[in-house]
Amino acid sequence: MGGPLGAIIGRYPSAAGGDEQLGGGAGGGIIRHDRRCRDIAVLVLFAAFWVAMIVNSSFGFNQGNPLRLTYELDYKGNVCGDKHGNPNLQELDVRYWMNPNQVYQSGLKNSKVNLADAKAICLMECPNPAVDGLNYICDYPEGNIDLSVDDWINRDYDYYEFLTPDMKNSSLQLQGPCYPIIFPTVNVYWSCQFIARASNVSLKHWHETGGVSIDENILIDKTVHKAIDSRSAVLKRYIADIGKSWPVFIVCGGILPVFLSVIWLLMIRYFVAAMTWITVVLFNALVISVTMFFYIKAGWIGNDPLTVVIGESDPYVHISGREISHLHTITILMTAVMIIAFLSSIAIVRRILIATPVLKVAAKVIGEVQALIAFPLLPCLILSILYMFWFSATLHLFSSGQVVRNDCNTDCCSYDLKLGKVNCDNCCGYSIHYTPHISIAILFHLFGCYWATQFILACSSTVVAGSVASYYWARGEISHDIPFLTVVSSLKRLMRYSLGSVALGSLVVSVVEWVRFILECLRRKLKLVDSARESCFGKATSSSSECCLGCIDWTLKSVNRNAYIMIAITGKGFFKASVLATGLIMKNILRIGKVNVIGDVILFLGKLCVSLFCALFAFLMLDTHKYKSAHNKISSPVIPVLVTWALGYVVAKLFFAVVEMSIDTIILSFCQDAEEHQGNAQYAPPALMETLDEQGELQRLTQGP
């Protein structure tokens, strides 16, 4: 390993340097040696990448309109609810197809009519047939119709009585400008879902006035539902849910996990013996609670299931949706997780006591270097700024398609109020067109967020490791030499010398994760295309490759974590630090594994406890009236809860890294300490010695062949 590390990170004399390396004043020899900037090229790449991220996001801010994620387009290409539309459509949020025959024809096989080309306008609410007569929905007032938009709304969109004879005759031919309300409709995610149950009274009046025949087939219902429930429409609603749930993310994904994590660290500090048991019990209770909430929203428990309808509707009308199917799937998965979690907890009960001594050592470190408890607030603040920018850019990127006129070949005619006559040359509707470069921009944006998150987590871990290393190697007679602000000193070393190495380590993990993601997407597509002919060999190859990539990813993350410790201690580059860390681990694999695996399991359960608490509170917030009605209604709690869980986990990871990196740093330092002193660690805390320094095993593991 190129000489004892004691000469680098300790203050005891060594063959490499003797007393000359002790340094001058107090604390002069603590992690003090010839450092220099490492992996500068990767740091430059990271900076260039963020310049590209800002340029990429600016494209989304310039071209995107988040309203498109929630609301649809009318026949003029306006986004419903957009005050900048023509006319002003503020508060006119609901899309309604005026001509029922066009809707029916668009559902027929081999039909030239598409629903996107059927004439649709924006209304405040979905209309229903009159109880004792016939009502109309008329086009936006313009031309010879001398009404303002407000007057049109106040008249329930009906100015049929003001029409000229030619206009009335055109309307009776279902060519506008007014169309009869024959079918009841309900607001399903801001589009009026037709119910194929025509009003006999309204239909009778329509025929009596000389109106053309109207198709009453159930296909009119299915056609609209198919459009509302398409994969692209569901994806847009899920993204829109993120924008609507930002208060939930701030409270449950930001403030709450910080509070819970600090509480957990303080309890580790003062009640370490009981915290392992509390963590396991609390984890199981939270998994059960979150699963029960999923059961409630899935409608399998209680009477408050998720509904796709906005506002009031006929209780006898049941409308399904992909969101409900996805919720049922997640509920089944959570049931499996709940069972596995309970069985796993039983399996590790007998091993939990092994982790207590190591957690006690970490608790003592936190007690002596108290700045470690407050330090994670800094990366949390940086991450909060990053995520606010990233989420905002995400909403704009996903809505940055261009509104273009469809290229249709339909033969249709409608009354043009501006021209004052029936026009048969203007039948095509509008759609939002997404070019391939938008997909690339979105993937680039997602990768950037993951890399930045990994980078900040790595920086935090490296700072903690440097602080704890100072604590370990300044034990005993020279403990008074530990600087009061060891965290600040470690942060300065990171900023000055090791940012490039941390950027490289986070890049390696991010690339491997994204290779896994891309291969998984390809595997799913190939499975859908060739599911009938997929052989057993193909299935085995796919599963084994996925398993291998998962193992590689887990191994890299483990190596990275220990590499960050060696970067903090030695100031080496990423690859050199990885070699040093791996060498120490391989020489002491049994000793480290004895306590570190169980310790990591307890800490992992602690992070899950914090994130599950956040998910539980997110469920409670999303179950309020604000998120179940009107404009803030979310399509499903699944995405907001998952995002809140992820945010809570990231925040918990920052705080729990204090304990996690303390344990790893102390254990690595212990192994190096024992190796440099013929198997007798001179600087190890007594609690750690009791756990690791067993006489027979110590000699066998630390001495080379």
Foldseek 3Di string as FASTA:
>chain_A
DPAFLCLQAFQAADPVQGNVSNDDDFLGRHNDDDFFAFLVVLVVVLVVLVVVLVVLLVLLVVQFDLLVLQFPAFQVLDTACDCPDVPRRNLQGAKEQQQLQLLLQLLDPPGLRHPLLGGIDTHNFFDAADPAEKFKAFDQDDFPRPDHNVVCVVVVNGPQVPDDPQQVVCQLAVQDRIHIHFFGFFQQSRYTQTDLPGDPNNVVNSVVVPHDDHDSDCSSRVSVLCVCQPPLSVVSLLLSLCVLCVVLCCVLLAVQLLVLLLVLLVCLLPVLQCLLVVLLVLLLVLLVLLLVLLCVCLVVDDDNHFARTFDDDDPVDHDDHVQSVVSVVVSVVSVVVSVVSVVVSVVCVVQLNLQSLLSNLLSVLCVLLVVLSVVLVVLSVVLVVVVVSLSVSLSSLSRSFDKDWDDGDDFGWHQDSNVRGIDRPSRTGIDGDDDVVSVVSNVSSVLSSQLVLQLSLLLLLLLLLLLLSSCLSCDDPSNVSRDNPSSVVLNVLCVRHPSSQSSVLSVVLSVLVVVLVVLVVVVVVCCVVCVPPQDPVNVVVSVVVNVVSVVVSVVSVVLQSQLSSQCSSNVDHSVVSSVVSVVLCVLCVVLCVSHLVSNVVSLVSSLQSQLSVSLSVSSVVCPDPQCCHDPSPRSHCVSVSVVSSVSSSSSSSSSSSSSNSSSSSLVSVQLSQCLSVQQDRDRHDPSVCVSRVDPVVSNVRNDDD
